[in-house]
N, C-alpha and C. Protein backbone atom coordinates (compact mmCIF):
# COMPACT_ATOMS: atom_id res chain seq x y z
N MET A 1 0.84 -1.16 0.00
CA MET A 1 0.00 0.00 0.00
C MET A 1 0.90 1.23 0.00
N LYS A 2 0.54 2.22 -0.78
CA LYS A 2 1.27 3.49 -0.84
C LYS A 2 0.29 4.63 -0.69
N GLN A 3 0.77 5.69 -0.12
CA GLN A 3 -0.05 6.89 -0.05
C GLN A 3 0.56 7.94 -0.97
N SER A 4 -0.20 8.99 -1.22
CA SER A 4 0.30 10.07 -2.07
C SER A 4 1.52 10.71 -1.44
N HIS A 5 2.29 11.36 -2.26
CA HIS A 5 3.51 12.01 -1.80
C HIS A 5 3.38 13.50 -2.06
N VAL A 6 3.81 14.30 -1.10
CA VAL A 6 3.64 15.75 -1.23
C VAL A 6 4.38 16.33 -2.44
N ARG A 7 5.49 15.72 -2.83
CA ARG A 7 6.27 16.26 -3.96
C ARG A 7 5.79 15.76 -5.32
N TYR A 8 5.02 14.68 -5.35
CA TYR A 8 4.60 14.10 -6.62
C TYR A 8 3.09 14.08 -6.72
N LYS A 9 2.53 15.08 -7.36
CA LYS A 9 1.08 15.20 -7.47
C LYS A 9 0.52 14.03 -8.28
N ASN A 10 -0.57 13.47 -7.80
CA ASN A 10 -1.30 12.38 -8.47
C ASN A 10 -0.49 11.10 -8.66
N ILE A 11 0.49 10.83 -7.79
CA ILE A 11 1.32 9.65 -7.95
C ILE A 11 0.50 8.36 -7.82
N VAL A 12 -0.51 8.33 -6.98
CA VAL A 12 -1.36 7.15 -6.82
C VAL A 12 -2.12 6.89 -8.12
N LEU A 13 -2.72 7.92 -8.67
CA LEU A 13 -3.46 7.76 -9.93
C LEU A 13 -2.51 7.39 -11.06
N ASN A 14 -1.33 7.97 -11.09
CA ASN A 14 -0.34 7.67 -12.13
C ASN A 14 0.09 6.20 -12.07
N GLU A 15 0.33 5.70 -10.87
CA GLU A 15 0.77 4.31 -10.73
C GLU A 15 -0.32 3.35 -11.22
N GLN A 16 -1.55 3.61 -10.85
CA GLN A 16 -2.65 2.75 -11.30
C GLN A 16 -2.81 2.84 -12.81
N LEU A 17 -2.72 4.05 -13.37
CA LEU A 17 -2.84 4.23 -14.81
C LEU A 17 -1.74 3.47 -15.55
N CYS A 18 -0.52 3.53 -15.07
CA CYS A 18 0.60 2.83 -15.70
C CYS A 18 0.39 1.32 -15.67
N LEU A 19 -0.08 0.79 -14.55
CA LEU A 19 -0.34 -0.65 -14.47
C LEU A 19 -1.45 -1.07 -15.44
N LEU A 20 -2.51 -0.29 -15.50
CA LEU A 20 -3.61 -0.63 -16.41
C LEU A 20 -3.17 -0.54 -17.86
N ALA A 21 -2.33 0.44 -18.19
CA ALA A 21 -1.79 0.56 -19.55
C ALA A 21 -0.92 -0.66 -19.88
N ALA A 22 -0.08 -1.07 -18.94
CA ALA A 22 0.76 -2.25 -19.15
C ALA A 22 -0.11 -3.49 -19.38
N HIS A 23 -1.19 -3.61 -18.62
CA HIS A 23 -2.11 -4.75 -18.78
C HIS A 23 -2.73 -4.75 -20.18
N LYS A 24 -3.14 -3.57 -20.66
CA LYS A 24 -3.73 -3.46 -21.99
C LYS A 24 -2.73 -3.86 -23.07
N LEU A 25 -1.43 -3.70 -22.79
CA LEU A 25 -0.38 -4.07 -23.74
C LEU A 25 0.00 -5.54 -23.63
N GLY A 26 -0.68 -6.28 -22.75
CA GLY A 26 -0.44 -7.70 -22.63
C GLY A 26 0.57 -8.09 -21.57
N ILE A 27 0.98 -7.14 -20.75
CA ILE A 27 1.94 -7.42 -19.68
C ILE A 27 1.18 -7.90 -18.45
N GLU A 28 1.65 -8.97 -17.84
CA GLU A 28 1.02 -9.49 -16.63
C GLU A 28 1.30 -8.54 -15.47
N ILE A 29 0.26 -8.12 -14.78
CA ILE A 29 0.41 -7.18 -13.66
C ILE A 29 -0.25 -7.77 -12.41
N PRO A 30 0.16 -7.29 -11.23
CA PRO A 30 -0.52 -7.73 -10.01
C PRO A 30 -1.87 -7.03 -9.87
N GLU A 31 -2.77 -7.66 -9.13
CA GLU A 31 -4.05 -7.03 -8.84
C GLU A 31 -3.77 -5.74 -8.07
N SER A 32 -4.43 -4.66 -8.46
CA SER A 32 -4.22 -3.38 -7.77
C SER A 32 -5.49 -2.54 -7.82
N PHE A 33 -5.57 -1.60 -6.89
CA PHE A 33 -6.74 -0.74 -6.84
C PHE A 33 -6.43 0.48 -5.99
N ILE A 34 -7.30 1.47 -6.09
CA ILE A 34 -7.17 2.71 -5.31
C ILE A 34 -8.22 2.70 -4.21
N LEU A 35 -7.79 3.03 -3.02
CA LEU A 35 -8.68 3.11 -1.86
C LEU A 35 -8.85 4.56 -1.44
N ARG A 36 -10.04 4.89 -1.06
CA ARG A 36 -10.28 6.22 -0.48
C ARG A 36 -10.04 6.09 1.02
N ALA A 37 -9.11 6.84 1.56
CA ALA A 37 -8.74 6.74 2.97
C ALA A 37 -9.77 7.39 3.89
N GLN A 38 -10.49 8.35 3.38
CA GLN A 38 -11.51 9.01 4.18
C GLN A 38 -12.61 9.52 3.26
N ASN A 39 -13.77 9.77 3.80
CA ASN A 39 -14.88 10.29 3.00
C ASN A 39 -14.57 11.68 2.49
N GLY A 40 -15.18 12.03 1.41
CA GLY A 40 -14.99 13.36 0.86
C GLY A 40 -14.56 13.29 -0.60
N ILE A 41 -14.04 14.38 -1.07
CA ILE A 41 -13.60 14.48 -2.46
C ILE A 41 -12.38 13.60 -2.68
N LEU A 42 -12.36 12.92 -3.81
CA LEU A 42 -11.23 12.06 -4.16
C LEU A 42 -10.06 12.94 -4.61
N ASN A 43 -9.06 13.07 -3.75
CA ASN A 43 -7.88 13.86 -4.10
C ASN A 43 -6.63 13.23 -3.47
N ASP A 44 -5.49 13.83 -3.72
CA ASP A 44 -4.22 13.27 -3.26
C ASP A 44 -4.14 13.08 -1.74
N ASP A 45 -4.89 13.87 -1.00
CA ASP A 45 -4.79 13.81 0.45
C ASP A 45 -5.49 12.59 1.05
N ASN A 46 -6.37 11.95 0.31
CA ASN A 46 -7.14 10.87 0.93
C ASN A 46 -7.23 9.61 0.08
N VAL A 47 -6.23 9.34 -0.76
CA VAL A 47 -6.24 8.11 -1.54
C VAL A 47 -4.99 7.28 -1.27
N LEU A 48 -5.15 5.96 -1.38
CA LEU A 48 -4.06 5.01 -1.21
C LEU A 48 -4.03 4.08 -2.40
N PHE A 49 -2.84 3.68 -2.80
CA PHE A 49 -2.67 2.70 -3.87
C PHE A 49 -2.35 1.37 -3.21
N ALA A 50 -3.10 0.32 -3.57
CA ALA A 50 -2.89 -1.00 -2.98
C ALA A 50 -2.67 -2.00 -4.10
N SER A 51 -1.72 -2.92 -3.88
CA SER A 51 -1.52 -4.00 -4.85
C SER A 51 -1.20 -5.29 -4.11
N ARG A 52 -1.59 -6.40 -4.74
CA ARG A 52 -1.33 -7.71 -4.18
C ARG A 52 0.16 -8.00 -4.30
N ARG A 53 0.76 -8.59 -3.26
CA ARG A 53 2.17 -8.96 -3.30
C ARG A 53 2.40 -9.98 -4.39
N PHE A 54 3.30 -9.70 -5.30
CA PHE A 54 3.63 -10.65 -6.37
C PHE A 54 4.95 -11.35 -6.10
N ASP A 55 5.61 -10.98 -5.03
CA ASP A 55 6.92 -11.57 -4.70
C ASP A 55 6.84 -12.56 -3.54
N ARG A 56 5.64 -13.07 -3.29
CA ARG A 56 5.44 -14.08 -2.26
C ARG A 56 4.60 -15.22 -2.84
N SER A 57 4.82 -16.43 -2.34
CA SER A 57 4.11 -17.60 -2.83
C SER A 57 3.80 -18.54 -1.68
N PHE A 58 2.62 -19.15 -1.72
CA PHE A 58 2.25 -20.17 -0.74
C PHE A 58 2.17 -21.52 -1.45
N ASP A 59 2.74 -22.53 -0.84
CA ASP A 59 2.66 -23.90 -1.35
C ASP A 59 2.00 -24.79 -0.30
N ASN A 60 1.65 -26.00 -0.70
CA ASN A 60 1.05 -26.95 0.25
C ASN A 60 2.00 -27.27 1.39
N ASP A 61 3.31 -27.20 1.13
CA ASP A 61 4.28 -27.52 2.18
C ASP A 61 4.84 -26.27 2.87
N SER A 62 4.15 -25.13 2.74
CA SER A 62 4.59 -23.91 3.43
C SER A 62 4.59 -24.13 4.94
N ARG A 63 5.59 -23.61 5.60
CA ARG A 63 5.71 -23.73 7.05
C ARG A 63 4.57 -22.99 7.74
N MET A 64 4.12 -23.51 8.87
CA MET A 64 3.05 -22.87 9.64
C MET A 64 3.63 -22.27 10.91
N ILE A 65 3.21 -21.05 11.22
CA ILE A 65 3.58 -20.39 12.48
C ILE A 65 2.30 -19.81 13.07
N ASP A 66 1.98 -20.24 14.27
CA ASP A 66 0.75 -19.80 14.96
C ASP A 66 -0.48 -19.98 14.09
N GLY A 67 -0.54 -21.08 13.34
CA GLY A 67 -1.70 -21.39 12.52
C GLY A 67 -1.76 -20.66 11.19
N LEU A 68 -0.73 -19.88 10.87
CA LEU A 68 -0.70 -19.13 9.61
C LEU A 68 0.41 -19.66 8.72
N LYS A 69 0.12 -19.81 7.44
CA LYS A 69 1.14 -20.25 6.49
C LYS A 69 2.16 -19.14 6.25
N MET A 70 3.42 -19.51 6.22
CA MET A 70 4.49 -18.56 5.93
C MET A 70 4.76 -18.59 4.42
N PRO A 71 4.79 -17.45 3.78
CA PRO A 71 5.01 -17.45 2.33
C PRO A 71 6.49 -17.64 1.99
N TYR A 72 6.73 -18.16 0.79
CA TYR A 72 8.09 -18.20 0.25
C TYR A 72 8.34 -16.85 -0.41
N ARG A 73 9.53 -16.33 -0.22
CA ARG A 73 9.91 -15.08 -0.88
C ARG A 73 10.45 -15.41 -2.26
N LEU A 74 9.89 -14.78 -3.28
CA LEU A 74 10.34 -15.00 -4.65
C LEU A 74 11.30 -13.88 -5.02
N HIS A 75 12.48 -14.25 -5.50
CA HIS A 75 13.49 -13.25 -5.85
C HIS A 75 12.97 -12.37 -6.97
N GLN A 76 13.10 -11.07 -6.81
CA GLN A 76 12.72 -10.09 -7.83
C GLN A 76 13.87 -9.13 -8.02
N GLU A 77 14.13 -8.77 -9.23
CA GLU A 77 15.16 -7.79 -9.53
C GLU A 77 14.48 -6.48 -9.86
N ASP A 78 14.77 -5.45 -9.10
CA ASP A 78 14.18 -4.14 -9.30
C ASP A 78 15.18 -3.31 -10.11
N PHE A 79 14.90 -3.16 -11.40
CA PHE A 79 15.85 -2.46 -12.26
C PHE A 79 15.91 -0.96 -12.00
N VAL A 80 14.90 -0.41 -11.34
CA VAL A 80 14.96 1.00 -10.98
C VAL A 80 16.04 1.23 -9.93
N GLN A 81 16.17 0.28 -8.98
CA GLN A 81 17.16 0.42 -7.92
C GLN A 81 18.51 -0.19 -8.27
N ALA A 82 18.54 -1.04 -9.30
CA ALA A 82 19.79 -1.76 -9.63
C ALA A 82 20.89 -0.84 -10.11
């Protein structure tokens, strides 16, 4: 989940738009959506960007801790940070 950033106007909307554009081009994307953090006008101050973790996986043999399955971490290379 990400919130808007004071220096980057509409970053939440931009991120969702970029993912949807990538999907239209045939690129596999994680499930994502925009959440309104509070009632009122939809603007940068009250929206959050949420996406499903794509770098975790659950298998039948996943370890259990306190009744919860522990996910496997899938290696991802982030070329923006590389």
